Amino acid sequence: MAASEGQLEVVSLLLERGSDPNVMDRGGNTPLYDAVYYKHFDVAEKLSKHGAKLLLDENHVATIFCFAVVEGNIDFIKALCRFGADINSKDYDDRTALMVRCAVLTAEDQRKPTALVHPACIPSPKQPSHQTAGACGPDARAAGV
């Protein structure tokens, strides 16, 4: 709770008293993941210095990155990478976040370069942009991604 609430002093005290920085909650998230998710980067730094890890499997990391790129959540993506998540993680269908971002680009997005648009995302005549649609995990199709 302290990590997700950004309570740096409480986190520091708990770490000083020997709390395990890699304990997982029922959802499988660590304090480091919660701190990053809620943008408490000072807490994330403190946890990292005490050996905290994200401890996410590749499919979970890929799914998180997929949703983050679709939402354009650049700060979250950068923080995940900074604290050890592999940006090239593949989802259940061997797709990466870059593939997903390319798949959801609209015609307007393709005309405006942004931090999340990579030249590889611009579809070639041989590669339609819908090729990787639905890549954010099993529930993505139902959500219309």
Protein backbone atom coordinates (compact mmCIF):
# COMPACT_ATOMS: atom_id res chain seq x y z
CA MET A 1 0.00 0.00 0.00
CA ALA A 2 2.76 2.46 0.88
CA ALA A 3 4.38 2.08 -2.56
CA SER A 4 1.12 2.54 -4.47
CA GLU A 5 0.28 5.58 -2.33
CA GLY A 6 3.70 7.16 -2.83
CA GLN A 7 4.57 7.20 0.85
CA LEU A 8 8.36 7.44 0.56
CA GLU A 9 8.98 7.81 4.31
CA VAL A 10 6.90 4.74 5.12
CA VAL A 11 8.56 2.71 2.36
CA SER A 12 11.99 3.80 3.64
CA LEU A 13 11.14 2.78 7.20
CA LEU A 14 9.78 -0.59 6.11
CA LEU A 15 12.90 -1.30 4.05
CA GLU A 16 15.17 -0.25 6.93
CA ARG A 17 13.28 -2.70 9.19
CA GLY A 18 13.86 -5.57 6.75
CA SER A 19 10.67 -5.71 4.69
CA ASP A 20 10.98 -7.82 1.55
CA PRO A 21 10.86 -5.42 -1.43
CA ASN A 22 9.84 -8.27 -3.74
CA VAL A 23 6.75 -9.56 -1.96
CA MET A 24 3.79 -9.94 -4.33
CA ASP A 25 0.18 -9.04 -3.73
CA ARG A 26 -2.77 -11.22 -4.79
CA GLY A 27 -2.60 -9.72 -8.27
CA GLY A 28 1.03 -10.76 -8.68
CA ASN A 29 2.35 -7.21 -8.48
CA THR A 30 5.38 -6.10 -6.50
CA PRO A 31 5.76 -2.80 -4.64
CA LEU A 32 8.08 -1.64 -7.45
CA TYR A 33 5.41 -2.27 -10.08
CA ASP A 34 2.81 -0.45 -8.00
CA ALA A 35 5.13 2.54 -7.50
CA VAL A 36 5.84 2.72 -11.25
CA TYR A 37 2.17 2.25 -12.19
CA TYR A 38 1.06 5.10 -9.94
CA LYS A 39 3.99 7.31 -11.04
CA HIS A 40 5.71 7.44 -7.67
CA PHE A 41 9.16 7.36 -9.21
CA ASP A 42 10.95 8.46 -6.02
CA VAL A 43 9.49 5.43 -4.25
CA ALA A 44 10.40 3.22 -7.23
CA GLU A 45 14.02 4.44 -7.05
CA LYS A 46 14.18 3.70 -3.33
CA LEU A 47 12.76 0.22 -3.83
CA SER A 48 15.13 -0.48 -6.73
CA LYS A 49 18.14 0.52 -4.63
CA HIS A 50 17.01 -2.11 -2.10
CA GLY A 51 16.86 -4.88 -4.70
CA ALA A 52 13.22 -4.61 -5.75
CA LYS A 53 12.29 -6.18 -9.09
CA LEU A 54 9.17 -6.05 -11.24
CA LEU A 55 9.03 -9.89 -11.29
CA LEU A 56 6.60 -10.05 -14.21
CA ASP A 57 6.58 -12.90 -16.70
CA GLU A 58 7.14 -12.07 -20.37
CA ASN A 59 3.49 -12.41 -21.39
CA HIS A 60 2.39 -10.10 -18.55
CA VAL A 61 5.05 -7.52 -19.44
CA ALA A 62 4.06 -7.65 -23.10
CA THR A 63 0.40 -7.15 -22.25
CA ILE A 64 1.21 -4.18 -20.02
CA PHE A 65 3.34 -2.61 -22.74
CA CYS A 66 0.62 -3.25 -25.35
CA PHE A 67 -2.00 -1.37 -23.38
CA ALA A 68 0.47 1.40 -22.53
CA VAL A 69 1.36 2.02 -26.18
CA VAL A 70 -2.28 2.01 -27.25
CA GLU A 71 -3.01 4.59 -24.52
CA GLY A 72 0.12 6.60 -25.39
CA ASN A 73 1.38 6.33 -21.81
CA ILE A 74 5.00 7.21 -22.59
CA ASP A 75 6.08 7.93 -18.99
CA PHE A 76 4.87 4.51 -17.88
CA ILE A 77 6.67 2.80 -20.76
CA LYS A 78 9.92 4.62 -19.98
CA ALA A 79 9.66 3.79 -16.29
CA LEU A 80 8.99 0.10 -16.94
CA CYS A 81 12.08 -0.04 -19.13
CA ARG A 82 14.14 1.88 -16.58
CA PHE A 83 13.28 -0.64 -13.88
CA GLY A 84 14.03 -3.72 -15.94
CA ALA A 85 11.06 -4.61 -18.15
CA ASP A 86 12.02 -5.79 -21.63
CA ILE A 87 10.34 -3.62 -24.29
CA ASN A 88 10.70 -6.53 -26.75
CA SER A 89 8.66 -8.93 -24.61
CA LYS A 90 6.19 -10.93 -26.67
CA ASP A 91 2.56 -11.62 -25.85
CA TYR A 92 0.66 -14.90 -26.15
CA ASP A 93 0.77 -14.56 -29.96
CA ASP A 94 4.46 -13.50 -30.24
CA ARG A 95 3.64 -9.82 -30.79
CA THR A 96 5.54 -6.92 -29.27
CA ALA A 97 4.31 -3.50 -28.17
CA LEU A 98 5.77 -1.98 -31.34
CA MET A 99 3.69 -4.37 -33.45
CA VAL A 100 0.57 -3.41 -31.53
CA ARG A 101 1.20 0.31 -31.84
CA CYS A 102 1.69 -0.11 -35.57
CA ALA A 103 -1.58 -1.99 -35.84
CA VAL A 104 -3.65 0.70 -34.15
CA LEU A 105 -2.27 3.72 -35.95
CA THR A 106 -4.94 5.70 -37.67
CA ALA A 107 -4.40 7.54 -40.94
CA GLU A 108 -4.05 10.76 -38.95
CA ASP A 109 -1.44 9.18 -36.65
CA GLN A 110 0.57 8.09 -39.68
CA ARG A 111 0.79 11.70 -40.90
CA LYS A 112 1.90 13.09 -37.50
CA PRO A 113 5.17 11.79 -36.06
CA THR A 114 5.02 11.19 -32.31
CA ALA A 115 7.31 9.59 -29.76
CA LEU A 116 5.46 6.30 -30.22
CA VAL A 117 5.47 6.24 -34.02
CA HIS A 118 8.47 4.43 -35.43
CA PRO A 119 9.21 4.29 -39.18
CA ALA A 120 8.61 0.54 -39.03
CA CYS A 121 5.00 1.29 -38.11
CA ILE A 122 4.13 2.88 -41.43
CA PRO A 123 2.53 0.03 -43.35
CA SER A 124 4.09 -0.96 -46.64
CA PRO A 125 1.90 -2.03 -49.56
CA LYS A 126 2.82 -5.64 -48.69
CA GLN A 127 2.00 -5.29 -44.98
CA PRO A 128 -1.51 -4.02 -44.15
CA SER A 129 -1.78 -2.08 -40.89
CA HIS A 130 -4.49 -4.41 -39.52
CA GLN A 131 -2.10 -7.38 -39.56
CA THR A 132 -1.49 -7.36 -35.80
CA ALA A 133 -4.83 -6.11 -34.52
CA GLY A 134 -5.98 -7.54 -31.21
CA ALA A 135 -2.50 -8.05 -29.82
CA CYS A 136 -2.99 -6.88 -26.24
CA GLY A 137 -4.03 -10.17 -24.79
CA PRO A 138 -7.02 -12.48 -24.81
CA ASP A 139 -9.42 -9.81 -23.50
CA ALA A 140 -8.37 -7.19 -26.06
CA ARG A 141 -10.66 -8.42 -28.81
CA ALA A 142 -13.69 -8.04 -26.56
CA ALA A 143 -12.54 -4.53 -25.63
CA GLY A 144 -12.31 -3.57 -29.29
CA VAL A 145 -8.52 -3.19 -29.41
